[in-house]
Protein backbone atom coordinates (compact mmCIF):
# COMPACT_ATOMS: atom_id res chain seq x y z
CA MET A 1 29.20 35.68 -43.58
CA PHE A 2 27.59 37.38 -40.60
CA VAL A 3 25.21 34.49 -39.86
CA THR A 4 27.91 31.84 -40.39
CA VAL A 5 30.36 33.59 -38.03
CA VAL A 6 27.67 33.63 -35.34
CA GLU A 7 26.66 30.00 -35.91
CA GLU A 8 30.26 28.71 -36.08
CA GLY A 9 31.39 30.79 -33.12
CA GLY A 10 34.26 32.61 -34.80
CA VAL A 11 35.91 33.89 -37.97
CA GLY A 12 38.28 30.95 -38.34
CA ARG A 13 35.58 28.31 -38.10
CA ALA A 14 33.35 30.31 -40.43
CA ALA A 15 36.17 30.43 -42.99
CA LEU A 16 36.51 26.64 -42.83
CA ALA A 17 32.76 26.13 -43.13
CA LEU A 18 32.55 28.43 -46.14
CA GLY A 19 35.70 27.17 -47.80
CA ILE A 20 37.41 30.58 -48.01
CA THR A 21 40.28 32.28 -46.21
CA GLN A 22 39.99 33.89 -42.79
CA PRO A 23 41.09 37.33 -44.08
CA ALA A 24 38.30 37.15 -46.69
CA VAL A 25 35.70 36.55 -43.97
CA SER A 26 37.09 39.45 -41.93
CA GLN A 27 36.96 41.73 -44.98
CA TYR A 28 33.33 40.81 -45.69
CA LEU A 29 32.41 41.56 -42.07
CA ARG A 30 34.15 44.95 -42.16
CA THR A 31 32.28 45.79 -45.38
CA LEU A 32 28.96 44.84 -43.75
CA GLU A 33 29.76 46.89 -40.63
CA ASP A 34 30.65 49.87 -42.83
CA HIS A 35 27.31 49.51 -44.57
CA VAL A 36 25.40 49.23 -41.29
CA GLY A 37 27.39 52.02 -39.70
CA HIS A 38 27.97 50.18 -36.42
CA PRO A 39 30.14 47.28 -35.20
CA LEU A 40 28.37 43.94 -35.21
CA PHE A 41 30.86 42.11 -32.96
CA GLU A 42 33.09 43.00 -30.06
CA ARG A 43 35.96 40.93 -28.74
CA GLN A 44 35.84 39.63 -25.17
CA GLY A 45 39.06 37.84 -24.49
CA ARG A 46 39.47 35.22 -27.19
CA HIS A 47 35.82 35.27 -28.21
CA LEU A 48 33.71 37.39 -30.55
CA VAL A 49 30.47 38.54 -28.98
CA LEU A 50 27.56 40.23 -30.75
CA THR A 51 26.99 43.89 -30.04
CA ARG A 52 23.51 45.21 -29.36
CA VAL A 53 23.24 46.15 -33.05
CA GLY A 54 24.46 42.68 -34.05
CA GLU A 55 21.89 41.03 -31.77
CA ALA A 56 19.10 43.14 -33.30
CA LEU A 57 20.17 42.40 -36.87
CA LEU A 58 20.79 38.65 -36.47
CA PRO A 59 17.11 37.55 -36.74
CA GLU A 60 16.67 39.76 -39.82
CA ALA A 61 19.90 38.40 -41.33
CA ARG A 62 18.65 34.85 -40.84
CA ARG A 63 15.36 35.72 -42.55
CA VAL A 64 17.30 37.22 -45.47
CA VAL A 65 19.44 34.09 -45.78
CA GLN A 66 16.34 31.87 -45.67
CA ALA A 67 14.64 34.01 -48.31
CA LEU A 68 17.70 33.83 -50.57
CA GLU A 69 17.92 30.07 -50.11
CA GLU A 70 14.23 29.74 -50.98
CA PHE A 71 14.77 32.05 -53.97
CA GLN A 72 17.56 29.78 -55.19
CA ARG A 73 15.56 26.62 -54.51
CA ILE A 74 12.56 27.86 -56.46
CA SER A 75 14.62 29.19 -59.37
CA GLN A 76 16.50 25.89 -59.65
CA ALA A 77 13.28 23.89 -59.37
CA MET A 78 11.68 25.97 -62.11
CA GLY A 79 14.75 25.47 -64.28
CA ARG A 80 14.42 21.71 -63.77
CA LEU A 81 10.63 21.97 -64.38
CA GLU A 82 9.89 20.49 -60.96
CA ILE A 83 7.49 23.41 -60.43
CA GLY A 84 6.18 26.21 -62.61
CA GLU A 85 3.19 27.50 -64.55
CA VAL A 86 2.41 28.10 -68.20
CA THR A 87 -0.59 29.77 -69.83
CA LEU A 88 -1.76 28.33 -73.15
CA GLY A 89 -4.61 29.40 -75.39
CA ALA A 90 -6.15 27.10 -77.99
CA SER A 91 -9.05 27.45 -80.38
CA THR A 92 -12.10 25.51 -79.24
CA THR A 93 -11.60 22.73 -81.79
CA MET A 94 -7.93 22.23 -80.93
CA ALA A 95 -8.51 22.54 -77.16
CA THR A 96 -11.23 19.91 -77.29
CA TYR A 97 -9.87 17.32 -79.72
CA VAL A 98 -6.08 17.66 -80.11
CA VAL A 99 -4.32 19.56 -77.31
CA PRO A 100 -5.38 17.20 -74.46
CA PHE A 101 -3.11 14.44 -75.83
CA PHE A 102 -0.10 16.78 -75.72
CA LEU A 103 -0.97 18.03 -72.23
CA LYS A 104 -1.28 14.46 -70.95
CA LYS A 105 2.28 13.75 -72.11
CA PHE A 106 3.52 17.08 -70.72
CA HIS A 107 2.00 16.31 -67.31
CA GLU A 108 3.51 12.82 -67.26
CA GLU A 109 6.97 14.32 -67.84
CA HIS A 110 6.53 17.41 -65.61
CA PRO A 111 3.84 16.69 -62.98
CA GLY A 112 4.78 19.70 -60.85
CA VAL A 113 4.02 22.26 -63.59
CA ARG A 114 0.56 23.81 -63.69
CA VAL A 115 -0.93 24.46 -67.13
CA HIS A 116 -3.66 27.06 -67.58
CA LEU A 117 -5.54 26.17 -70.78
CA GLU A 118 -7.93 28.77 -72.18
CA SER A 119 -10.16 27.89 -75.11
CA GLY A 120 -12.19 30.19 -77.30
CA SER A 121 -12.27 31.91 -80.66
CA SER A 122 -9.02 32.36 -82.54
CA GLU A 123 -9.55 36.12 -82.72
CA ARG A 124 -9.96 36.50 -78.97
CA LEU A 125 -6.99 34.28 -78.18
CA ALA A 126 -4.81 36.16 -80.66
CA GLU A 127 -5.71 39.42 -78.92
CA ARG A 128 -4.83 37.99 -75.51
CA LEU A 129 -1.52 36.66 -76.84
CA LEU A 130 -0.59 40.06 -78.26
CA MET A 131 -1.55 41.69 -74.94
CA GLY A 132 0.79 39.34 -73.08
CA GLU A 133 -2.04 37.57 -71.24
CA LEU A 134 -1.13 34.24 -72.86
CA GLU A 135 2.37 32.83 -73.33
CA LEU A 136 1.50 30.83 -76.43
CA ALA A 137 -1.59 30.07 -78.48
CA ILE A 138 -2.89 27.63 -81.10
CA VAL A 139 -5.13 29.59 -83.43
CA GLU A 140 -6.48 29.61 -86.95
CA GLY A 141 -6.14 32.22 -89.67
CA VAL A 142 -3.25 34.28 -88.26
CA GLU A 143 -0.71 36.17 -90.30
CA ARG A 144 2.94 36.52 -89.37
CA TRP A 145 3.41 39.10 -86.62
CA GLU A 146 6.62 40.97 -85.96
CA GLY A 147 8.32 39.60 -82.86
CA TYR A 148 6.39 36.30 -82.94
CA GLU A 149 7.11 32.80 -84.22
CA ARG A 150 4.46 30.92 -86.18
CA HIS A 151 4.55 27.16 -86.86
CA LEU A 152 1.95 24.92 -88.45
CA PHE A 153 0.44 22.84 -85.64
CA TYR A 154 -2.44 20.96 -87.28
CA GLU A 155 -3.92 20.66 -90.76
CA ASP A 156 -7.56 19.65 -91.00
CA GLU A 157 -10.47 19.70 -93.44
CA LEU A 158 -14.20 20.33 -93.27
CA VAL A 159 -16.39 17.30 -94.00
CA VAL A 160 -20.08 16.56 -94.34
CA ILE A 161 -21.29 14.21 -91.58
CA VAL A 162 -24.30 11.90 -91.75
CA PRO A 163 -25.58 8.98 -89.65
CA PRO A 164 -24.81 5.46 -90.94
CA ASP A 165 -28.41 4.91 -92.11
CA HIS A 166 -28.43 8.04 -94.30
CA PRO A 167 -28.66 7.49 -98.10
CA TRP A 168 -25.28 9.19 -98.52
CA ALA A 169 -23.52 7.05 -95.92
CA GLY A 170 -21.83 4.80 -98.46
CA ARG A 171 -20.40 7.65 -100.52
CA GLU A 172 -16.95 9.24 -100.35
CA LYS A 173 -18.05 12.57 -101.80
CA VAL A 174 -21.28 14.51 -102.05
CA SER A 175 -22.25 17.23 -104.51
CA PRO A 176 -22.59 20.68 -102.88
CA ASP A 177 -25.92 21.10 -104.73
CA TRP A 178 -27.39 18.23 -102.76
CA LEU A 179 -27.03 20.20 -99.53
CA GLN A 180 -29.79 22.51 -100.77
CA ARG A 181 -32.25 19.62 -100.41
CA GLU A 182 -31.15 18.66 -96.90
CA THR A 183 -31.60 20.14 -93.43
CA LEU A 184 -28.13 21.56 -92.84
CA VAL A 185 -26.46 21.97 -89.42
CA VAL A 186 -23.38 24.25 -89.19
CA ARG A 187 -21.48 26.45 -86.76
CA LYS A 188 -22.88 29.94 -86.32
CA PRO A 189 -21.81 32.91 -88.50
CA GLY A 190 -18.65 34.53 -87.19
CA SER A 191 -17.01 31.23 -86.30
CA MET A 192 -13.91 30.18 -88.22
CA THR A 193 -15.80 27.11 -89.50
CA TRP A 194 -18.53 29.29 -90.94
CA ARG A 195 -16.03 31.67 -92.52
CA ALA A 196 -14.19 28.83 -94.25
CA LEU A 197 -17.48 27.38 -95.53
CA GLU A 198 -18.84 30.72 -96.69
CA ARG A 199 -15.63 31.58 -98.53
CA ALA A 200 -15.49 28.19 -100.30
CA PHE A 201 -19.13 28.34 -101.41
CA GLU A 202 -18.85 31.96 -102.58
CA GLN A 203 -15.83 31.06 -104.70
CA ALA A 204 -17.92 28.28 -106.26
CA ASN A 205 -20.85 30.69 -106.83
CA LEU A 206 -23.04 28.62 -104.54
CA GLU A 207 -25.19 29.60 -101.58
CA LEU A 208 -25.37 28.01 -98.15
CA ASN A 209 -28.80 27.78 -96.56
CA PRO A 210 -28.48 26.15 -93.09
CA THR A 211 -31.47 25.37 -90.90
CA PHE A 212 -29.56 24.97 -87.63
CA TYR A 213 -26.72 27.15 -86.37
CA THR A 214 -24.83 25.87 -83.33
CA ASP A 215 -22.22 27.39 -81.02
CA ASN A 216 -20.12 24.22 -80.66
CA ASN A 217 -19.20 21.08 -82.55
CA GLU A 218 -20.68 18.65 -80.05
CA VAL A 219 -24.15 20.15 -80.52
CA THR A 220 -23.71 19.86 -84.28
CA LYS A 221 -22.85 16.17 -83.93
CA ARG A 222 -25.76 15.54 -81.55
CA LEU A 223 -28.24 17.03 -84.00
CA VAL A 224 -26.90 14.82 -86.79
CA LEU A 225 -26.91 11.75 -84.56
CA ALA A 226 -30.53 12.51 -83.68
CA GLY A 227 -31.42 12.55 -87.38
CA ALA A 228 -32.20 16.27 -87.45
CA GLY A 229 -30.08 16.85 -90.57
CA VAL A 230 -26.59 16.62 -92.06
CA GLY A 231 -23.71 18.62 -90.61
CA ILE A 232 -20.42 20.16 -91.64
CA VAL A 233 -17.55 20.02 -89.14
CA SER A 234 -13.80 19.54 -89.02
CA ARG A 235 -12.72 15.94 -89.58
CA VAL A 236 -10.87 15.90 -86.24
CA VAL A 237 -14.20 16.55 -84.50
CA VAL A 238 -15.69 13.26 -85.74
CA GLN A 239 -12.60 11.03 -85.48
CA PRO A 240 -13.99 9.26 -82.35
CA ASN A 241 -17.36 8.78 -84.08
CA LEU A 242 -15.76 7.37 -87.21
CA LYS A 243 -13.96 4.79 -85.07
CA VAL A 244 -17.15 3.59 -83.38
CA GLY A 245 -19.12 3.88 -86.61
CA ASN A 246 -22.06 6.04 -85.53
CA LEU A 247 -21.24 8.79 -88.08
CA ARG A 248 -19.88 8.91 -91.61
CA ALA A 249 -17.66 11.67 -93.05
CA LEU A 250 -17.91 12.71 -96.70
CA ARG A 251 -15.87 15.18 -98.72
CA LEU A 252 -17.51 17.87 -100.82
CA ALA A 253 -17.18 17.32 -104.55
CA PRO A 254 -16.25 20.11 -107.00
CA PRO A 255 -16.87 22.94 -107.57
CA VAL A 256 -16.36 23.38 -103.81
CA GLY A 257 -13.94 20.51 -103.26
CA GLU A 258 -11.74 20.12 -100.17
CA ILE A 259 -11.95 22.89 -97.58
CA ARG A 260 -8.69 22.88 -95.64
CA ARG A 261 -8.16 24.39 -92.18
CA TYR A 262 -4.77 25.34 -90.75
CA PHE A 263 -4.07 25.81 -87.06
CA TRP A 264 -0.88 27.62 -86.04
CA LEU A 265 1.22 27.56 -82.90
CA VAL A 266 2.14 31.19 -82.18
CA TYR A 267 4.41 32.55 -79.44
CA PRO A 268 6.87 35.43 -78.86
CA LYS A 269 10.35 35.02 -80.28
CA ARG A 270 11.76 35.46 -76.78
CA VAL A 271 10.17 33.11 -74.22
CA ALA A 272 11.79 33.32 -70.79
CA ASN A 273 9.60 30.80 -68.94
CA PRO A 274 11.28 27.33 -68.99
CA ALA A 275 7.89 25.62 -68.70
CA ALA A 276 6.57 27.50 -71.73
CA GLN A 277 9.74 26.72 -73.68
CA THR A 278 9.35 23.01 -72.96
CA LEU A 279 5.65 22.97 -73.84
CA ILE A 280 6.40 24.77 -77.13
CA ALA A 281 9.01 22.15 -77.97
CA LEU A 282 6.49 19.37 -77.27
CA LEU A 283 3.75 21.00 -79.37
CA ARG A 284 6.22 21.38 -82.23
CA SER A 285 7.43 17.78 -82.06
């Protein structure tokens, strides 16, 4: 009210500009003067003139109005997803082979929103989610947590991979016993891949005896492509290779059989960030 009265040159014009009554403008000004403790205007003839206090406060009042307008602009823009940020964690496998397709679509629909994608082990990402350092996460092997939603994001399986010139290349399944006679390449102990493998082989009363342990799936594939041995990875990891034909994927026959992997989208039950809400909806679609 104060700034508008100054800019319009009077209470009546300010009332017209603001679309309210003149008495309402006068009441607002009296309330502001009571709060300040000094008159902001004095009347000289038919005109209102700023007092010394009013002159001193006018630049500050304009800065306040500008800040409030910017506050409103940003809040509305965030609500419309014209701007914003969201922090997502995803297990290394999902971050590398699945999540990028969702983020491409998200960016096409909301180019002004920044997405911070953190990849790593499911355990570490789960910790960061619980600490509030991530807004949502795609992880493996999580139980239901109080105060959090959990939805199945991706179902995968572990497969044996061989080059196309390998004797097993034409098979659909391979006996777990045969792995004992091959140079085996797997993810290192402690990884979720290794845990799933170890559990499945223990339940079948069989032993795994790898020669190579790697810290990522691409290294595993490179070793197999180079003919250094046969590997075990998630099927999603070799989908591009299966399309071009430079690797083959085989299932494990009983007594091990299929080894399934389940990746979960986890986030707090109350998500206030509109960008995070929209990304969650996309990942669940």
